[in-house]
Every structure is written in C-alpha cells, then in structure tokens.
Amino acid sequence: MLTWLDSKIIKSTRDDFNFNYEYKVEIGEFDRLTDDLKFKFNKLKDLEIAGFETNGLTRYYSKSRDNLESVNTDFNACMSQNLKNSKVVVFKDGVLTKIEETLNSFK
C-alpha cells in the first residue's frame, strides 16, 4: 500500500507540456438553435456539446479529446447527424492552432 510518504514531488515547467494539445469538433456557428439542431445535439449528448458566444453568434464545440483518433470518432458521429459544417479543430495552450502544426510536432 502506497502512502503520501511514498510520493515524490517533481518540478515541471510549461515547456514540459510541449505536446499538450486539445482536440475538439467545431460543429458550427448559429444565431439560435432550431428544434432540429436541438434534436441532433441531444442525440450526441455523449459529446457534451457546449456553446461559446461571440458577436451575437454562438459557436458550438464537442468536449475536448487528447488525441486525433478520439476526436475523429466524434467528428464521424457529427457527420452521421448530418452536421455538415463540422470540422476537427485543435487548441494548444487554449489558443486555436492548425492541425498541420500539431502533426509536425510529432515528426
């Protein structure tokens, strides 16, 4: 049995998390949710879709994933609900970045 006496404190810096990317599906930007969109979002409730308002429009995203494979599964679920404007996006340190940059980081 491990106790707190067995714990080891490790110092880390922000640079230690260089590959800390957050993948999401950006479902789209809407001024209001129609009944059809509400129905589709309800069918995708496992994706924990949340909206963020800017300039009178709300942009909707799926929950965060830590790898591209998982978010691609979420993307396919959105496409199965005919949410054609959906796309995979990635954030690094909370800032939207290009997927190509994340892929290049692993080369």
PDB file of N, CA and C in Angstrom:
ATOM      1  N   MET A   1       0.842  -1.175   0.000  1.00  0.00           N
ATOM      2  CA  MET A   1       0.000   0.000   0.000  1.00  0.00           C
ATOM      3  C   MET A   1       0.891   1.243   0.000  1.00  0.00           C
ATOM      4  N   LEU A   2       0.627   2.145  -0.953  1.00  0.00           N
ATOM      5  CA  LEU A   2       1.377   3.385  -1.025  1.00  0.00           C
ATOM      6  C   LEU A   2       0.737   4.436  -0.130  1.00  0.00           C
ATOM      7  N   THR A   3       1.565   5.241   0.490  1.00  0.00           N
ATOM      8  CA  THR A   3       1.081   6.343   1.315  1.00  0.00           C
ATOM      9  C   THR A   3       1.705   7.625   0.803  1.00  0.00           C
ATOM     10  N   TRP A   4       1.336   8.742   1.397  1.00  0.00           N
ATOM     11  CA  TRP A   4       1.907  10.011   0.976  1.00  0.00           C
ATOM     12  C   TRP A   4       3.407  10.036   1.210  1.00  0.00           C
ATOM     13  N   LEU A   5       3.908   9.214   2.121  1.00  0.00           N
ATOM     14  CA  LEU A   5       5.351   9.144   2.355  1.00  0.00           C
ATOM     15  C   LEU A   5       6.085   8.564   1.150  1.00  0.00           C
ATOM     16  N   ASP A   6       5.366   7.786   0.344  1.00  0.00           N
ATOM     17  CA  ASP A   6       5.966   7.188  -0.843  1.00  0.00           C
ATOM     18  C   ASP A   6       5.937   8.130  -2.040  1.00  0.00           C
ATOM     19  N   SER A   7       5.255   9.259  -1.893  1.00  0.00           N
ATOM     20  CA  SER A   7       5.103  10.193  -3.007  1.00  0.00           C
ATOM     21  C   SER A   7       6.401  10.943  -3.251  1.00  0.00           C
ATOM     22  N   LYS A   8       6.582  11.315  -4.486  1.00  0.00           N
ATOM     23  CA  LYS A   8       7.764  12.074  -4.868  1.00  0.00           C
ATOM     24  C   LYS A   8       7.299  13.326  -5.594  1.00  0.00           C
ATOM     25  N   ILE A   9       7.762  14.471  -5.154  1.00  0.00           N
ATOM     26  CA  ILE A   9       7.386  15.729  -5.786  1.00  0.00           C
ATOM     27  C   ILE A   9       8.344  15.990  -6.934  1.00  0.00           C
ATOM     28  N   ILE A  10       7.768  16.261  -8.087  1.00  0.00           N
ATOM     29  CA  ILE A  10       8.559  16.512  -9.288  1.00  0.00           C
ATOM     30  C   ILE A  10       8.269  17.917  -9.759  1.00  0.00           C
ATOM     31  N   LYS A  11       9.312  18.696  -9.995  1.00  0.00           N
ATOM     32  CA  LYS A  11       9.129  20.032 -10.541  1.00  0.00           C
ATOM     33  C   LYS A  11       8.934  19.927 -12.043  1.00  0.00           C
ATOM     34  N   SER A  12       8.040  20.754 -12.555  1.00  0.00           N
ATOM     35  CA  SER A  12       7.827  20.781 -14.004  1.00  0.00           C
ATOM     36  C   SER A  12       7.614  22.225 -14.430  1.00  0.00           C
ATOM     37  N   THR A  13       7.822  22.456 -15.691  1.00  0.00           N
ATOM     38  CA  THR A  13       7.609  23.778 -16.258  1.00  0.00           C
ATOM     39  C   THR A  13       6.624  23.664 -17.405  1.00  0.00           C
ATOM     40  N   ARG A  14       6.195  24.807 -17.887  1.00  0.00           N
ATOM     41  CA  ARG A  14       5.259  24.818 -19.008  1.00  0.00           C
ATOM     42  C   ARG A  14       5.847  24.116 -20.236  1.00  0.00           C
ATOM     43  N   ASP A  15       7.165  24.230 -20.427  1.00  0.00           N
ATOM     44  CA  ASP A  15       7.813  23.586 -21.569  1.00  0.00           C
ATOM     45  C   ASP A  15       7.714  22.071 -21.509  1.00  0.00           C
ATOM     46  N   ASP A  16       7.530  21.520 -20.317  1.00  0.00           N
ATOM     47  CA  ASP A  16       7.390  20.072 -20.186  1.00  0.00           C
ATOM     48  C   ASP A  16       6.105  19.570 -20.836  1.00  0.00           C
ATOM     49  N   PHE A  17       5.176  20.476 -21.099  1.00  0.00           N
ATOM     50  CA  PHE A  17       3.897  20.097 -21.684  1.00  0.00           C
ATOM     51  C   PHE A  17       3.798  20.582 -23.118  1.00  0.00           C
ATOM     52  N   ASN A  18       4.894  20.507 -23.839  1.00  0.00           N
ATOM     53  CA  ASN A  18       5.004  20.996 -25.207  1.00  0.00           C
ATOM     54  C   ASN A  18       3.994  20.356 -26.146  1.00  0.00           C
ATOM     55  N   PHE A  19       3.625  19.117 -25.911  1.00  0.00           N
ATOM     56  CA  PHE A  19       2.723  18.401 -26.812  1.00  0.00           C
ATOM     57  C   PHE A  19       1.321  18.291 -26.224  1.00  0.00           C
ATOM     58  N   ASN A  20       0.938  19.259 -25.412  1.00  0.00           N
ATOM     59  CA  ASN A  20      -0.356  19.244 -24.757  1.00  0.00           C
ATOM     60  C   ASN A  20      -1.402  19.905 -25.652  1.00  0.00           C
ATOM     61  N   TYR A  21      -2.007  19.121 -26.524  1.00  0.00           N
ATOM     62  CA  TYR A  21      -2.998  19.622 -27.462  1.00  0.00           C
ATOM     63  C   TYR A  21      -4.391  19.192 -27.033  1.00  0.00           C
ATOM     64  N   GLU A  22      -5.366  20.012 -27.382  1.00  0.00           N
ATOM     65  CA  GLU A  22      -6.762  19.758 -27.051  1.00  0.00           C
ATOM     66  C   GLU A  22      -7.543  19.726 -28.368  1.00  0.00           C
ATOM     67  N   TYR A  23      -8.063  18.564 -28.707  1.00  0.00           N
ATOM     68  CA  TYR A  23      -8.804  18.381 -29.952  1.00  0.00           C
ATOM     69  C   TYR A  23     -10.304  18.440 -29.679  1.00  0.00           C
ATOM     70  N   LYS A  24     -11.034  19.108 -30.579  1.00  0.00           N
ATOM     71  CA  LYS A  24     -12.492  19.212 -30.470  1.00  0.00           C
ATOM     72  C   LYS A  24     -13.092  19.155 -31.863  1.00  0.00           C
ATOM     73  N   VAL A  25     -14.396  18.928 -31.914  1.00  0.00           N
ATOM     74  CA  VAL A  25     -15.134  19.111 -33.158  1.00  0.00           C
ATOM     75  C   VAL A  25     -15.837  20.455 -33.049  1.00  0.00           C
ATOM     76  N   GLU A  26     -15.557  21.333 -33.998  1.00  0.00           N
ATOM     77  CA  GLU A  26     -16.311  22.579 -34.106  1.00  0.00           C
ATOM     78  C   GLU A  26     -17.516  22.262 -34.973  1.00  0.00           C
ATOM     79  N   ILE A  27     -18.688  22.314 -34.378  1.00  0.00           N
ATOM     80  CA  ILE A  27     -19.906  21.887 -35.066  1.00  0.00           C
ATOM     81  C   ILE A  27     -20.469  22.991 -35.947  1.00  0.00           C
ATOM     82  N   GLY A  28     -20.330  24.202 -35.520  1.00  0.00           N
ATOM     83  CA  GLY A  28     -20.820  25.317 -36.322  1.00  0.00           C
ATOM     84  C   GLY A  28     -21.135  26.518 -35.472  1.00  0.00           C
ATOM     85  N   GLU A  29     -21.516  27.574 -36.161  1.00  0.00           N
ATOM     86  CA  GLU A  29     -21.859  28.836 -35.516  1.00  0.00           C
ATOM     87  C   GLU A  29     -23.298  29.182 -35.884  1.00  0.00           C
ATOM     88  N   PHE A  30     -24.116  29.438 -34.866  1.00  0.00           N
ATOM     89  CA  PHE A  30     -25.542  29.649 -35.084  1.00  0.00           C
ATOM     90  C   PHE A  30     -26.023  30.836 -34.261  1.00  0.00           C
ATOM     91  N   ASP A  31     -27.010  31.563 -34.797  1.00  0.00           N
ATOM     92  CA  ASP A  31     -27.595  32.650 -34.020  1.00  0.00           C
ATOM     93  C   ASP A  31     -28.645  32.128 -33.054  1.00  0.00           C
ATOM     94  N   ARG A  32     -29.213  30.963 -33.374  1.00  0.00           N
ATOM     95  CA  ARG A  32     -30.149  30.301 -32.458  1.00  0.00           C
ATOM     96  C   ARG A  32     -30.189  28.814 -32.800  1.00  0.00           C
ATOM     97  N   LEU A  33     -30.613  28.021 -31.828  1.00  0.00           N
ATOM     98  CA  LEU A  33     -30.735  26.586 -32.057  1.00  0.00           C
ATOM     99  C   LEU A  33     -32.158  26.253 -32.473  1.00  0.00           C
ATOM    100  N   THR A  34     -32.302  25.695 -33.650  1.00  0.00           N
ATOM    101  CA  THR A  34     -33.609  25.240 -34.111  1.00  0.00           C
ATOM    102  C   THR A  34     -33.965  23.950 -33.386  1.00  0.00           C
ATOM    103  N   ASP A  35     -35.216  23.538 -33.497  1.00  0.00           N
ATOM    104  CA  ASP A  35     -35.629  22.266 -32.893  1.00  0.00           C
ATOM    105  C   ASP A  35     -34.845  21.112 -33.497  1.00  0.00           C
ATOM    106  N   ASP A  36     -34.554  21.189 -34.808  1.00  0.00           N
ATOM    107  CA  ASP A  36     -33.784  20.140 -35.477  1.00  0.00           C
ATOM    108  C   ASP A  36     -32.376  20.037 -34.892  1.00  0.00           C
ATOM    109  N   LEU A  37     -31.714  21.188 -34.670  1.00  0.00           N
ATOM    110  CA  LEU A  37     -30.379  21.168 -34.076  1.00  0.00           C
ATOM    111  C   LEU A  37     -30.420  20.653 -32.644  1.00  0.00           C
ATOM    112  N   LYS A  38     -31.416  21.071 -31.881  1.00  0.00           N
ATOM    113  CA  LYS A  38     -31.553  20.580 -30.503  1.00  0.00           C
ATOM    114  C   LYS A  38     -31.702  19.062 -30.491  1.00  0.00           C
ATOM    115  N   PHE A  39     -32.490  18.534 -31.425  1.00  0.00           N
ATOM    116  CA  PHE A  39     -32.693  17.092 -31.526  1.00  0.00           C
ATOM    117  C   PHE A  39     -31.367  16.389 -31.834  1.00  0.00           C
ATOM    118  N   LYS A  40     -30.616  16.945 -32.790  1.00  0.00           N
ATOM    119  CA  LYS A  40     -29.325  16.346 -33.165  1.00  0.00           C
ATOM    120  C   LYS A  40     -28.330  16.435 -32.016  1.00  0.00           C
ATOM    121  N   PHE A  41     -28.267  17.579 -31.353  1.00  0.00           N
ATOM    122  CA  PHE A  41     -27.361  17.728 -30.215  1.00  0.00           C
ATOM    123  C   PHE A  41     -27.729  16.752 -29.108  1.00  0.00           C
ATOM    124  N   ASN A  42     -29.008  16.528 -28.891  1.00  0.00           N
ATOM    125  CA  ASN A  42     -29.447  15.578 -27.874  1.00  0.00           C
ATOM    126  C   ASN A  42     -28.995  14.157 -28.232  1.00  0.00           C
ATOM    127  N   LYS A  43     -29.028  13.821 -29.515  1.00  0.00           N
ATOM    128  CA  LYS A  43     -28.561  12.501 -29.940  1.00  0.00           C
ATOM    129  C   LYS A  43     -27.054  12.357 -29.746  1.00  0.00           C
ATOM    130  N   LEU A  44     -26.358  13.484 -29.675  1.00  0.00           N
ATOM    131  CA  LEU A  44     -24.906  13.493 -29.491  1.00  0.00           C
ATOM    132  C   LEU A  44     -24.524  13.917 -28.071  1.00  0.00           C
ATOM    133  N   LYS A  45     -25.389  13.658 -27.102  1.00  0.00           N
ATOM    134  CA  LYS A  45     -25.162  14.163 -25.740  1.00  0.00           C
ATOM    135  C   LYS A  45     -23.863  13.649 -25.121  1.00  0.00           C
ATOM    136  N   ASP A  46     -23.365  12.501 -25.585  1.00  0.00           N
ATOM    137  CA  ASP A  46     -22.089  11.994 -25.073  1.00  0.00           C
ATOM    138  C   ASP A  46     -20.921  12.903 -25.450  1.00  0.00           C
ATOM    139  N   LEU A  47     -21.112  13.752 -26.460  1.00  0.00           N
ATOM    140  CA  LEU A  47     -20.052  14.675 -26.880  1.00  0.00           C
ATOM    141  C   LEU A  47     -20.017  15.942 -26.023  1.00  0.00           C
ATOM    142  N   GLU A  48     -21.007  16.087 -25.137  1.00  0.00           N
ATOM    143  CA  GLU A  48     -21.063  17.224 -24.208  1.00  0.00           C
ATOM    144  C   GLU A  48     -20.897  18.552 -24.951  1.00  0.00           C
ATOM    145  N   ILE A  49     -21.710  18.764 -25.953  1.00  0.00           N
ATOM    146  CA  ILE A  49     -21.624  19.951 -26.805  1.00  0.00           C
ATOM    147  C   ILE A  49     -21.901  21.207 -25.983  1.00  0.00           C
ATOM    148  N   ALA A  50     -21.018  22.189 -26.144  1.00  0.00           N
ATOM    149  CA  ALA A  50     -21.150  23.458 -25.421  1.00  0.00           C
ATOM    150  C   ALA A  50     -20.967  24.607 -26.397  1.00  0.00           C
ATOM    151  N   GLY A  51     -21.683  25.697 -26.129  1.00  0.00           N
ATOM    152  CA  GLY A  51     -21.603  26.866 -26.986  1.00  0.00           C
ATOM    153  C   GLY A  51     -20.842  28.005 -26.336  1.00  0.00           C
ATOM    154  N   PHE A  52     -20.164  28.785 -27.186  1.00  0.00           N
ATOM    155  CA  PHE A  52     -19.417  29.955 -26.740  1.00  0.00           C
ATOM    156  C   PHE A  52     -19.825  31.126 -27.622  1.00  0.00           C
ATOM    157  N   GLU A  53     -20.363  32.163 -26.985  1.00  0.00           N
ATOM    158  CA  GLU A  53     -20.918  33.290 -27.737  1.00  0.00           C
ATOM    159  C   GLU A  53     -19.862  34.345 -28.040  1.00  0.00           C
ATOM    160  N   THR A  54     -19.878  34.807 -29.288  1.00  0.00           N
ATOM    161  CA  THR A  54     -19.059  35.942 -29.709  1.00  0.00           C
ATOM    162  C   THR A  54     -19.818  36.691 -30.792  1.00  0.00           C
ATOM    163  N   ASN A  55     -19.907  37.995 -30.629  1.00  0.00           N
ATOM    164  CA  ASN A  55     -20.550  38.864 -31.622  1.00  0.00           C
ATOM    165  C   ASN A  55     -21.974  38.441 -31.981  1.00  0.00           C
ATOM    166  N   GLY A  56     -22.747  38.006 -31.006  1.00  0.00           N
ATOM    167  CA  GLY A  56     -24.144  37.664 -31.231  1.00  0.00           C
ATOM    168  C   GLY A  56     -24.384  36.277 -31.800  1.00  0.00           C
ATOM    169  N   LEU A  57     -23.326  35.560 -32.131  1.00  0.00           N
ATOM    170  CA  LEU A  57     -23.458  34.189 -32.624  1.00  0.00           C
ATOM    171  C   LEU A  57     -22.832  33.251 -31.605  1.00  0.00           C
ATOM    172  N   THR A  58     -23.318  32.019 -31.592  1.00  0.00           N
ATOM    173  CA  THR A  58     -22.769  31.021 -30.682  1.00  0.00           C
ATOM    174  C   THR A  58     -22.098  29.934 -31.498  1.00  0.00           C
ATOM    175  N   ARG A  59     -20.837  29.676 -31.184  1.00  0.00           N
ATOM    176  CA  ARG A  59     -20.071  28.614 -31.841  1.00  0.00           C
ATOM    177  C   ARG A  59     -20.090  27.406 -30.914  1.00  0.00           C
ATOM    178  N   TYR A  60     -20.431  26.249 -31.471  1.00  0.00           N
ATOM    179  CA  TYR A  60     -20.592  25.025 -30.689  1.00  0.00           C
ATOM    180  C   TYR A  60     -19.437  24.070 -30.931  1.00  0.00           C
ATOM    181  N   TYR A  61     -18.953  23.492 -29.808  1.00  0.00           N
ATOM    182  CA  TYR A  61     -17.847  22.544 -29.835  1.00  0.00           C
ATOM    183  C   TYR A  61     -18.206  21.288 -29.053  1.00  0.00           C
ATOM    184  N   SER A  62     -17.594  20.181 -29.436  1.00  0.00           N
ATOM    185  CA  SER A  62     -17.693  18.957 -28.654  1.00  0.00           C
ATOM    186  C   SER A  62     -16.731  19.050 -27.468  1.00  0.00           C
ATOM    187  N   LYS A  63     -16.776  18.061 -26.602  1.00  0.00           N
ATOM    188  CA  LYS A  63     -15.843  18.033 -25.478  1.00  0.00           C
ATOM    189  C   LYS A  63     -14.420  17.834 -25.994  1.00  0.00           C
ATOM    190  N   SER A  64     -13.465  18.133 -25.156  1.00  0.00           N
ATOM    191  CA  SER A  64     -12.054  18.024 -25.523  1.00  0.00           C
ATOM    192  C   SER A  64     -11.593  16.576 -25.518  1.00  0.00           C
ATOM    193  N   ARG A  65     -10.727  16.292 -26.451  1.00  0.00           N
ATOM    194  CA  ARG A  65     -10.064  14.987 -26.526  1.00  0.00           C
ATOM    195  C   ARG A  65      -8.558  15.234 -26.557  1.00  0.00           C
ATOM    196  N   ASP A  66      -7.798  14.233 -26.127  1.00  0.00           N
ATOM    197  CA  ASP A  66      -6.352  14.429 -26.115  1.00  0.00           C
ATOM    198  C   ASP A  66      -5.637  13.750 -27.276  1.00  0.00           C
ATOM    199  N   ASN A  67      -6.410  13.191 -28.219  1.00  0.00           N
ATOM    200  CA  ASN A  67      -5.757  12.610 -29.392  1.00  0.00           C
ATOM    201  C   ASN A  67      -6.665  12.703 -30.610  1.00  0.00           C
ATOM    202  N   LEU A  68      -6.024  12.666 -31.755  1.00  0.00           N
ATOM    203  CA  LEU A  68      -6.724  12.846 -33.016  1.00  0.00           C
ATOM    204  C   LEU A  68      -7.691  11.700 -33.318  1.00  0.00           C
ATOM    205  N   GLU A  69      -7.333  10.495 -32.930  1.00  0.00           N
ATOM    206  CA  GLU A  69      -8.202   9.344 -33.204  1.00  0.00           C
ATOM    207  C   GLU A  69      -9.552   9.478 -32.510  1.00  0.00           C
ATOM    208  N   SER A  70      -9.529   9.890 -31.255  1.00  0.00           N
ATOM    209  CA  SER A  70     -10.780  10.037 -30.495  1.00  0.00           C
ATOM    210  C   SER A  70     -11.664  11.134 -31.073  1.00  0.00           C
ATOM    211  N   VAL A  71     -11.060  12.259 -31.460  1.00  0.00           N
ATOM    212  CA  VAL A  71     -11.863  13.348 -32.000  1.00  0.00           C
ATOM    213  C   VAL A  71     -12.401  12.989 -33.384  1.00  0.00           C
ATOM    214  N   ASN A  72     -11.687  12.153 -34.126  1.00  0.00           N
ATOM    215  CA  ASN A  72     -12.212  11.710 -35.420  1.00  0.00           C
ATOM    216  C   ASN A  72     -13.466  10.863 -35.239  1.00  0.00           C
ATOM    217  N   THR A  73     -13.523  10.090 -34.177  1.00  0.00           N
ATOM    218  CA  THR A  73     -14.738   9.329 -33.862  1.00  0.00           C
ATOM    219  C   THR A  73     -15.893  10.286 -33.572  1.00  0.00           C
ATOM    220  N   ASP A  74     -15.612  11.354 -32.818  1.00  0.00           N
ATOM    221  CA  ASP A  74     -16.630  12.369 -32.529  1.00  0.00           C
ATOM    222  C   ASP A  74     -17.077  13.068 -33.815  1.00  0.00           C
ATOM    223  N   PHE A  75     -16.122  13.373 -34.682  1.00  0.00           N
ATOM    224  CA  PHE A  75     -16.431  14.017 -35.957  1.00  0.00           C
ATOM    225  C   PHE A  75     -17.369  13.134 -36.787  1.00  0.00           C
ATOM    226  N   ASN A  76     -17.076  11.846 -36.846  1.00  0.00           N
ATOM    227  CA  ASN A  76     -17.929  10.920 -37.601  1.00  0.00           C
ATOM    228  C   ASN A  76     -19.337  10.858 -37.018  1.00  0.00           C
ATOM    229  N   ALA A  77     -19.456  10.960 -35.704  1.00  0.00           N
ATOM    230  CA  ALA A  77     -20.778  10.980 -35.067  1.00  0.00           C
ATOM    231  C   ALA A  77     -21.540  12.234 -35.493  1.00  0.00           C
ATOM    232  N   CYS A  78     -20.844  13.367 -35.566  1.00  0.00           N
ATOM    233  CA  CYS A  78     -21.491  14.615 -36.015  1.00  0.00           C
ATOM    234  C   CYS A  78     -21.933  14.495 -37.465  1.00  0.00           C
ATOM    235  N   MET A  79     -21.110  13.902 -38.284  1.00  0.00           N
ATOM    236  CA  MET A  79     -21.458  13.739 -39.692  1.00  0.00           C
ATOM    237  C   MET A  79     -22.642  12.788 -39.845  1.00  0.00           C
ATOM    238  N   SER A  80     -22.748  11.792 -38.968  1.00  0.00           N
ATOM    239  CA  SER A  80     -23.881  10.860 -39.033  1.00  0.00           C
ATOM    240  C   SER A  80     -25.203  11.561 -38.727  1.00  0.00           C
ATOM    241  N   GLN A  81     -25.131  12.721 -38.041  1.00  0.00           N
ATOM    242  CA  GLN A  81     -26.320  13.519 -37.746  1.00  0.00           C
ATOM    243  C   GLN A  81     -26.507  14.635 -38.777  1.00  0.00           C
ATOM    244  N   ASN A  82     -25.757  14.535 -39.873  1.00  0.00           N
ATOM    245  CA  ASN A  82     -25.864  15.480 -40.986  1.00  0.00           C
ATOM    246  C   ASN A  82     -25.483  16.914 -40.569  1.00  0.00           C
ATOM    247  N   LEU A  83     -24.516  17.020 -39.655  1.00  0.00           N
ATOM    248  CA  LEU A  83     -23.989  18.323 -39.258  1.00  0.00           C
ATOM    249  C   LEU A  83     -22.788  18.612 -40.158  1.00  0.00           C
ATOM    250  N   LYS A  84     -23.085  19.006 -41.378  1.00  0.00           N
ATOM    251  CA  LYS A  84     -22.107  19.095 -42.468  1.00  0.00           C
ATOM    252  C   LYS A  84     -21.043  20.167 -42.275  1.00  0.00           C
ATOM    253  N   ASN A  85     -21.274  21.153 -41.421  1.00  0.00           N
ATOM    254  CA  ASN A  85     -20.281  22.197 -41.200  1.00  0.00           C
ATOM    255  C   ASN A  85     -19.246  21.813 -40.143  1.00  0.00           C
ATOM    256  N   SER A  86     -19.377  20.624 -39.599  1.00  0.00           N
ATOM    257  CA  SER A  86     -18.460  20.176 -38.547  1.00  0.00           C
ATOM    258  C   SER A  86     -17.045  20.019 -39.094  1.00  0.00           C
ATOM    259  N   LYS A  87     -16.084  20.347 -38.219  1.00  0.00           N
ATOM    260  CA  LYS A  87     -14.678  20.150 -38.574  1.00  0.00           C
ATOM    261  C   LYS A  87     -13.866  19.940 -37.306  1.00  0.00           C
ATOM    262  N   VAL A  88     -12.766  19.230 -37.441  1.00  0.00           N
ATOM    263  CA  VAL A  88     -11.876  18.990 -36.316  1.00  0.00           C
ATOM    264  C   VAL A  88     -10.981  20.216 -36.149  1.00  0.00           C
ATOM    265  N   VAL A  89     -10.876  20.694 -34.907  1.00  0.00           N
ATOM    266  CA  VAL A  89     -10.003  21.818 -34.590  1.00  0.00           C
ATOM    267  C   VAL A  89      -9.106  21.424 -33.420  1.00  0.00           C
ATOM    268  N   VAL A  90      -8.012  22.137 -33.281  1.00  0.00           N
ATOM    269  CA  VAL A  90      -7.071  21.828 -32.200  1.00  0.00           C
ATOM    270  C   VAL A  90      -6.640  23.124 -31.523  1.00  0.00           C
ATOM    271  N   PHE A  91      -6.491  23.038 -30.205  1.00  0.00           N
ATOM    272  CA  PHE A  91      -6.033  24.160 -29.400  1.00  0.00           C
ATOM    273  C   PHE A  91      -4.732  23.753 -28.708  1.00  0.00           C
ATOM    274  N   LYS A  92      -3.802  24.679 -28.639  1.00  0.00           N
ATOM    275  CA  LYS A  92      -2.581  24.483 -27.860  1.00  0.00           C
ATOM    276  C   LYS A  92      -2.522  25.622 -26.858  1.00  0.00           C
ATOM    277  N   ASP A  93      -2.455  25.270 -25.602  1.00  0.00           N
ATOM    278  CA  ASP A  93      -2.479  26.269 -24.526  1.00  0.00           C
ATOM    279  C   ASP A  93      -3.695  27.173 -24.644  1.00  0.00           C
ATOM    280  N   GLY A  94      -4.835  26.629 -25.067  1.00  0.00           N
ATOM    281  CA  GLY A  94      -6.075  27.373 -25.160  1.00  0.00           C
ATOM    282  C   GLY A  94      -6.216  28.234 -26.395  1.00  0.00           C
ATOM    283  N   VAL A  95      -5.232  28.182 -27.288  1.00  0.00           N
ATOM    284  CA  VAL A  95      -5.249  29.002 -28.495  1.00  0.00           C
ATOM    285  C   VAL A  95      -5.460  28.110 -29.709  1.00  0.00           C
ATOM    286  N   LEU A  96      -6.424  28.500 -30.541  1.00  0.00           N
ATOM    287  CA  LEU A  96      -6.699  27.748 -31.758  1.00  0.00           C
ATOM    288  C   LEU A  96      -5.452  27.718 -32.630  1.00  0.00           C
ATOM    289  N   THR A  97      -5.075  26.545 -33.090  1.00  0.00           N
ATOM    290  CA  THR A  97      -3.906  26.391 -33.944  1.00  0.00           C
ATOM    291  C   THR A  97      -4.263  25.471 -35.099  1.00  0.00           C
ATOM    292  N   LYS A  98      -3.334  25.273 -36.000  1.00  0.00           N
ATOM    293  CA  LYS A  98      -3.586  24.437 -37.171  1.00  0.00           C
ATOM    294  C   LYS A  98      -3.193  22.995 -36.886  1.00  0.00           C
ATOM    295  N   ILE A  99      -4.005  22.077 -37.372  1.00  0.00           N
ATOM    296  CA  ILE A  99      -3.727  20.655 -37.162  1.00  0.00           C
ATOM    297  C   ILE A  99      -2.377  20.283 -37.762  1.00  0.00           C
ATOM    298  N   GLU A 100      -2.019  20.882 -38.884  1.00  0.00           N
ATOM    299  CA  GLU A 100      -0.735  20.585 -39.520  1.00  0.00           C
ATOM    300  C   GLU A 100       0.431  20.846 -38.567  1.00  0.00           C
ATOM    301  N   GLU A 101       0.313  21.912 -37.769  1.00  0.00           N
ATOM    302  CA  GLU A 101       1.366  22.229 -36.802  1.00  0.00           C
ATOM    303  C   GLU A 101       1.483  21.141 -35.737  1.00  0.00           C
ATOM    304  N   THR A 102       0.353  20.599 -35.295  1.00  0.00           N
ATOM    305  CA  THR A 102       0.403  19.549 -34.283  1.00  0.00           C
ATOM    306  C   THR A 102       0.998  18.289 -34.875  1.00  0.00           C
ATOM    307  N   LEU A 103       0.649  17.966 -36.102  1.00  0.00           N
ATOM    308  CA  LEU A 103       1.192  16.760 -36.740  1.00  0.00           C
ATOM    309  C   LEU A 103       2.692  16.888 -36.947  1.00  0.00           C
ATOM    310  N   ASN A 104       3.163  18.084 -37.292  1.00  0.00           N
ATOM    311  CA  ASN A 104       4.594  18.319 -37.486  1.00  0.00           C
ATOM    312  C   ASN A 104       5.367  18.216 -36.184  1.00  0.00           C
ATOM    313  N   SER A 105       4.719  18.465 -35.056  1.00  0.00           N
ATOM    314  CA  SER A 105       5.377  18.389 -33.753  1.00  0.00           C
ATOM    315  C   SER A 105       5.817  16.975 -33.426  1.00  0.00           C
ATOM    316  N   PHE A 106       5.180  15.979 -34.033  1.00  0.00           N
ATOM    317  CA  PHE A 106       5.476  14.591 -33.702  1.00  0.00           C
ATOM    318  C   PHE A 106       6.431  13.945 -34.689  1.00  0.00           C
ATOM    319  N   LYS A 107       6.939  14.727 -35.640  1.00  0.00           N
ATOM    320  CA  LYS A 107       7.882  14.162 -36.624  1.00  0.00           C
ATOM    321  C   LYS A 107       9.281  14.149 -36.092  1.00  0.00           C
TER     322      LYS A 107
END
